[in-house]
Protein backbone atom coordinates (compact mmCIF):
# COMPACT_ATOMS: atom_id res chain seq x y z
CA UNK A 1 0.22 -0.16 0.32
CA UNK A 2 1.23 3.17 -0.88
CA UNK A 3 2.29 6.10 1.55
CA UNK A 4 2.77 8.73 -1.22
CA UNK A 5 0.10 11.46 -1.62
CA UNK A 6 -0.25 14.24 -3.92
CA UNK A 7 0.70 17.85 -2.78
CA UNK A 8 -2.16 19.41 -3.99
CA UNK A 9 -5.56 17.85 -4.04
CA UNK A 10 -7.79 19.38 -6.93
CA UNK A 11 -11.47 18.93 -6.10
CA UNK A 12 -14.72 21.10 -6.84
CA UNK A 13 -14.51 22.95 -3.15
CA UNK A 14 -10.80 23.42 -3.53
CA UNK A 15 -10.85 24.77 -7.14
CA UNK A 16 -13.90 27.22 -6.48
CA UNK A 17 -11.80 28.20 -3.32
CA UNK A 18 -9.03 29.10 -5.89
CA UNK A 19 -10.91 31.03 -8.42
CA UNK A 20 -13.04 33.14 -6.03
CA UNK A 21 -9.42 33.83 -3.90
CA UNK A 22 -7.39 34.90 -7.21
CA UNK A 23 -10.94 36.73 -8.24
CA UNK A 24 -11.16 38.49 -5.32
CA UNK A 25 -7.24 39.43 -5.08
CA UNK A 26 -7.57 40.70 -8.57
CA UNK A 27 -10.08 43.48 -7.18
CA UNK A 28 -8.12 44.42 -4.82
CA UNK A 29 -5.04 44.65 -6.98
CA UNK A 30 -7.21 46.96 -9.70
CA UNK A 31 -7.72 49.17 -6.36
CA UNK A 32 -4.19 49.29 -5.38
CA UNK A 33 -3.52 49.91 -9.10
CA UNK A 34 -5.86 53.00 -8.90
CA UNK A 35 -3.94 54.18 -6.39
CA UNK A 36 -0.14 53.48 -7.15
CA UNK A 37 -0.06 53.03 -10.82
CA UNK A 38 -2.54 55.67 -11.97
CA UNK A 39 -2.93 57.98 -9.13
CA UNK A 40 -6.43 58.39 -9.45
CA UNK A 41 -6.73 60.22 -5.87
CA UNK A 42 -4.87 63.09 -7.29
CA UNK A 43 -6.76 62.83 -10.46
CA UNK A 44 -10.12 62.78 -8.94
CA UNK A 45 -8.73 66.18 -6.88
CA UNK A 46 -8.18 67.74 -10.36
CA UNK A 47 -5.32 66.65 -11.72
CA UNK A 48 -4.83 65.69 -15.50
CA UNK A 49 -6.15 62.01 -16.62
CA UNK A 50 -3.52 60.15 -18.39
CA UNK A 51 -6.24 58.60 -20.90
CA UNK A 52 -9.66 57.73 -20.95
CA UNK A 53 -10.95 57.00 -24.72
CA UNK A 54 -14.44 57.49 -25.57
CA UNK A 55 -15.54 58.49 -22.19
CA UNK A 56 -14.89 62.54 -21.67
CA UNK A 57 -18.64 63.05 -22.11
CA UNK A 58 -18.89 61.69 -18.67
CA UNK A 59 -17.73 63.74 -15.88
CA UNK A 60 -14.89 63.24 -13.60
CA UNK A 61 -16.45 62.44 -10.30
CA UNK A 62 -15.01 63.66 -7.12
CA UNK A 63 -12.66 62.06 -4.03
CA UNK A 64 -15.90 61.06 -2.28
CA UNK A 65 -17.58 59.00 -4.78
CA UNK A 66 -13.86 57.77 -5.53
CA UNK A 67 -14.19 56.11 -2.30
CA UNK A 68 -17.17 54.65 -2.72
CA UNK A 69 -15.80 53.09 -5.85
CA UNK A 70 -12.85 51.63 -3.90
CA UNK A 71 -15.02 50.59 -1.08
CA UNK A 72 -17.71 48.51 -3.74
CA UNK A 73 -14.35 47.06 -4.93
CA UNK A 74 -12.87 45.89 -1.59
CA UNK A 75 -16.16 44.71 -0.23
CA UNK A 76 -16.99 42.57 -2.94
CA UNK A 77 -13.32 41.17 -2.58
CA UNK A 78 -14.38 40.53 1.44
CA UNK A 79 -17.56 38.75 0.37
CA UNK A 80 -16.13 36.81 -2.26
CA UNK A 81 -13.53 35.40 0.02
CA UNK A 82 -15.96 34.89 2.93
CA UNK A 83 -18.70 32.78 0.59
CA UNK A 84 -20.84 35.31 0.32
CA UNK A 85 -20.46 35.26 -3.45
CA UNK A 86 -23.27 36.57 -5.16
CA UNK A 87 -23.70 39.55 -3.04
CA UNK A 88 -19.69 40.02 -3.71
CA UNK A 89 -20.24 39.63 -7.39
CA UNK A 90 -23.09 42.26 -7.24
CA UNK A 91 -21.09 44.61 -5.05
CA UNK A 92 -17.65 44.25 -7.57
CA UNK A 93 -20.03 44.72 -10.54
CA UNK A 94 -21.40 47.84 -9.09
CA UNK A 95 -18.01 49.52 -8.53
CA UNK A 96 -16.49 48.62 -11.70
CA UNK A 97 -19.14 49.97 -13.65
CA UNK A 98 -18.31 53.20 -11.82
CA UNK A 99 -14.52 52.71 -12.80
CA UNK A 100 -15.52 52.20 -15.93
CA UNK A 101 -17.52 55.28 -16.29
CA UNK A 102 -14.34 57.07 -15.42
CA UNK A 103 -11.69 55.69 -17.86
CA UNK A 104 -11.73 52.66 -20.10
CA UNK A 105 -9.58 49.51 -19.60
CA UNK A 106 -9.61 46.07 -21.11
CA UNK A 107 -8.92 44.67 -18.10
CA UNK A 108 -11.43 46.41 -16.14
CA UNK A 109 -14.40 44.99 -18.87
CA UNK A 110 -12.54 41.11 -18.09
CA UNK A 111 -13.49 42.02 -14.46
CA UNK A 112 -16.86 42.99 -15.02
CA UNK A 113 -17.62 40.26 -17.77
CA UNK A 114 -16.67 37.57 -14.57
CA UNK A 115 -18.56 39.64 -11.81
CA UNK A 116 -21.84 40.33 -14.30
CA UNK A 117 -21.60 36.43 -14.74
CA UNK A 118 -21.27 35.72 -11.04
CA UNK A 119 -23.91 38.31 -10.62
CA UNK A 120 -26.91 37.17 -12.64
CA UNK A 121 -25.94 33.41 -13.91
CA UNK A 122 -26.85 30.30 -11.88
CA UNK A 123 -24.46 29.75 -8.59
CA UNK A 124 -21.26 27.70 -9.77
CA UNK A 125 -21.30 26.02 -5.79
CA UNK A 126 -24.97 24.60 -6.96
CA UNK A 127 -23.02 23.09 -10.33
CA UNK A 128 -24.29 19.95 -10.72
CA UNK A 129 -21.91 16.89 -12.81
CA UNK A 130 -25.01 15.85 -14.64
CA UNK A 131 -26.02 19.24 -16.41
CA UNK A 132 -24.37 22.23 -18.25
CA UNK A 133 -23.39 25.24 -15.70
CA UNK A 134 -24.11 28.25 -17.93
CA UNK A 135 -22.07 31.08 -15.80
CA UNK A 136 -19.21 28.64 -15.82
CA UNK A 137 -19.27 28.04 -19.66
CA UNK A 138 -19.51 31.52 -20.19
CA UNK A 139 -16.29 32.32 -17.88
CA UNK A 140 -14.77 29.46 -19.31
CA UNK A 141 -14.77 30.81 -23.07
CA UNK A 142 -13.90 34.14 -21.90
CA UNK A 143 -10.30 32.98 -20.88
CA UNK A 144 -10.14 30.94 -24.23
CA UNK A 145 -11.59 33.81 -26.31
CA UNK A 146 -9.28 36.08 -24.32
CA UNK A 147 -6.15 33.94 -25.34
CA UNK A 148 -6.79 33.53 -29.00
CA UNK A 149 -7.15 36.82 -29.90
CA UNK A 150 -4.81 38.08 -28.34
CA UNK A 151 -2.54 35.73 -29.96
CA UNK A 152 -3.70 36.71 -33.70
CA UNK A 153 -3.58 40.31 -32.36
CA UNK A 154 0.16 40.37 -31.60
CA UNK A 155 0.76 38.28 -34.53
CA UNK A 156 -0.82 41.03 -37.10
CA UNK A 157 0.38 43.98 -34.87
CA UNK A 158 4.15 42.61 -35.51
CA UNK A 159 4.48 41.56 -31.78
CA UNK A 160 7.13 38.44 -33.11
CA UNK A 161 9.45 41.26 -34.18
CA UNK A 162 10.54 41.74 -30.20
CA UNK A 163 9.96 45.54 -30.95
CA UNK A 164 6.70 45.78 -28.66
CA UNK A 165 8.17 43.74 -25.95
CA UNK A 166 11.35 45.99 -25.46
CA UNK A 167 9.34 49.08 -25.62
CA UNK A 168 6.99 47.90 -22.62
CA UNK A 169 10.32 46.52 -20.52
CA UNK A 170 10.04 48.40 -17.44
CA UNK A 171 11.87 46.63 -15.09
CA UNK A 172 13.98 43.43 -15.15
CA UNK A 173 15.93 44.01 -18.53
CA UNK A 174 17.39 47.12 -19.30
CA UNK A 175 18.03 47.75 -23.13
CA UNK A 176 21.90 48.15 -22.77
CA UNK A 177 22.48 44.52 -21.26
CA UNK A 178 19.66 42.61 -23.34
CA UNK A 179 21.14 40.67 -26.13
CA UNK A 180 19.75 41.42 -29.26
CA UNK A 181 17.70 37.76 -29.57
CA UNK A 182 16.14 38.11 -26.17
CA UNK A 183 12.85 40.32 -27.29
CA UNK A 184 12.05 38.48 -30.40
CA UNK A 185 12.47 35.07 -28.61
CA UNK A 186 10.72 35.99 -25.87
CA UNK A 187 7.73 38.17 -28.12
CA UNK A 188 7.74 34.14 -30.17
CA UNK A 189 7.41 31.92 -27.23
CA UNK A 190 4.46 34.43 -25.29
CA UNK A 191 2.62 34.16 -28.93
CA UNK A 192 3.09 30.21 -29.36
CA UNK A 193 1.42 30.17 -25.38
CA UNK A 194 -1.32 31.90 -25.86
CA UNK A 195 -2.49 30.13 -29.69
CA UNK A 196 -2.40 26.74 -27.74
CA UNK A 197 -3.31 27.60 -24.38
CA UNK A 198 -7.18 27.03 -25.07
CA UNK A 199 -6.50 23.90 -26.46
CA UNK A 200 -4.19 23.06 -23.56
CA UNK A 201 -6.84 24.06 -20.76
CA UNK A 202 -9.48 22.34 -22.48
CA UNK A 203 -7.47 19.08 -22.65
CA UNK A 204 -4.82 18.91 -19.88
CA UNK A 205 -6.31 21.41 -17.48
CA UNK A 206 -3.49 21.14 -15.43
CA UNK A 207 -0.82 22.18 -17.27
CA UNK A 208 -2.73 24.62 -18.94
CA UNK A 209 -3.00 26.35 -15.63
CA UNK A 210 0.78 25.56 -15.04
CA UNK A 211 1.10 27.43 -18.56
CA UNK A 212 -1.16 30.43 -17.37
CA UNK A 213 0.87 30.96 -14.20
CA UNK A 214 4.28 30.54 -16.44
CA UNK A 215 2.85 33.09 -18.74
CA UNK A 216 1.68 35.53 -16.74
CA UNK A 217 4.89 35.68 -14.24
CA UNK A 218 6.54 36.72 -17.17
CA UNK A 219 4.39 39.58 -18.06
CA UNK A 220 4.63 40.27 -14.53
CA UNK A 221 8.76 41.03 -15.50
CA UNK A 222 7.78 43.54 -17.93
CA UNK A 223 4.60 45.17 -17.19
CA UNK A 224 3.74 46.35 -13.88
CA UNK A 225 0.11 47.56 -14.56
CA UNK A 226 -1.84 44.50 -15.60
CA UNK A 227 -1.58 42.65 -12.35
CA UNK A 228 -5.55 43.02 -12.17
CA UNK A 229 -5.86 41.04 -15.48
CA UNK A 230 -3.08 38.75 -14.65
CA UNK A 231 -4.71 37.21 -11.50
CA UNK A 232 -8.32 37.16 -13.21
CA UNK A 233 -7.24 35.25 -15.79
CA UNK A 234 -5.69 32.73 -13.35
CA UNK A 235 -8.69 32.45 -11.37
CA UNK A 236 -10.39 31.57 -15.02
CA UNK A 237 -8.37 28.99 -15.60
CA UNK A 238 -9.07 27.08 -12.26
CA UNK A 239 -12.71 26.75 -13.73
CA UNK A 240 -11.41 24.00 -16.24
CA UNK A 241 -10.73 21.53 -13.39
CA UNK A 242 -14.59 21.48 -12.67
CA UNK A 243 -16.26 19.38 -15.26
CA UNK A 244 -19.73 20.46 -16.72
CA UNK A 245 -21.89 17.25 -17.87
CA UNK A 246 -21.83 14.23 -16.67
CA UNK A 247 -18.94 13.30 -15.41
CA UNK A 248 -18.02 13.47 -12.06
CA UNK A 249 -15.00 15.92 -11.02
CA UNK A 250 -13.08 12.83 -9.70
CA UNK A 251 -13.21 11.18 -12.89
CA UNK A 252 -12.28 14.32 -15.27
CA UNK A 253 -9.37 14.63 -12.73
CA UNK A 254 -8.03 11.04 -13.23
CA UNK A 255 -8.47 11.31 -17.09
CA UNK A 256 -6.21 14.45 -17.49
CA UNK A 257 -3.79 13.90 -14.40
């Protein structure tokens, strides 16, 4: 009789805990990014907004309303961690709608879609193994589409040349010390991972989750302002360990081990 036990056990409870945990941290990271990256406190006191896209017609609200926005996001994260997930998602949804009214960002849209699905869709906690869960399927398709279209966009934007990554490099590699091939090589790896991640997550979710972690750890080296996006994508990846349909979670995990 073997005494060896896996270091990490994946089941519905642990995967949902990881999903809600990473999503809650993504919301907290969104607030921290507003404070330390965008300096929104000073912006809402009258400073210049770095970019707002198509939302200039909506007035910038005062600091008191900004505090309400941040409070909604932080309370939403807290309730998600304390298993009051529907309430947490609804509070997060309201906070994200307020935030998007002030400045558009793709990562906010992703967070909004997740919060919206958790607010109005069937409960993930009550997900049955003999029927599909619309919330789970909707969220799974979000991450698949994001990676696929992100890879296609990078290819047509000449991302594999390495010039984009070189311009975006903010931290670890300084241009004078980086060898000529490192940016094209890393750019090509990013595109390949994003192209194959949808299939990997669907067929081999454990390996897919590992690839998601590696990809976004690499992004963290070069970019300091996409932590909410990265954490949200990591969160969504855990849903692939929870099957939809007639197979039980244990059966699915055995098939993908």
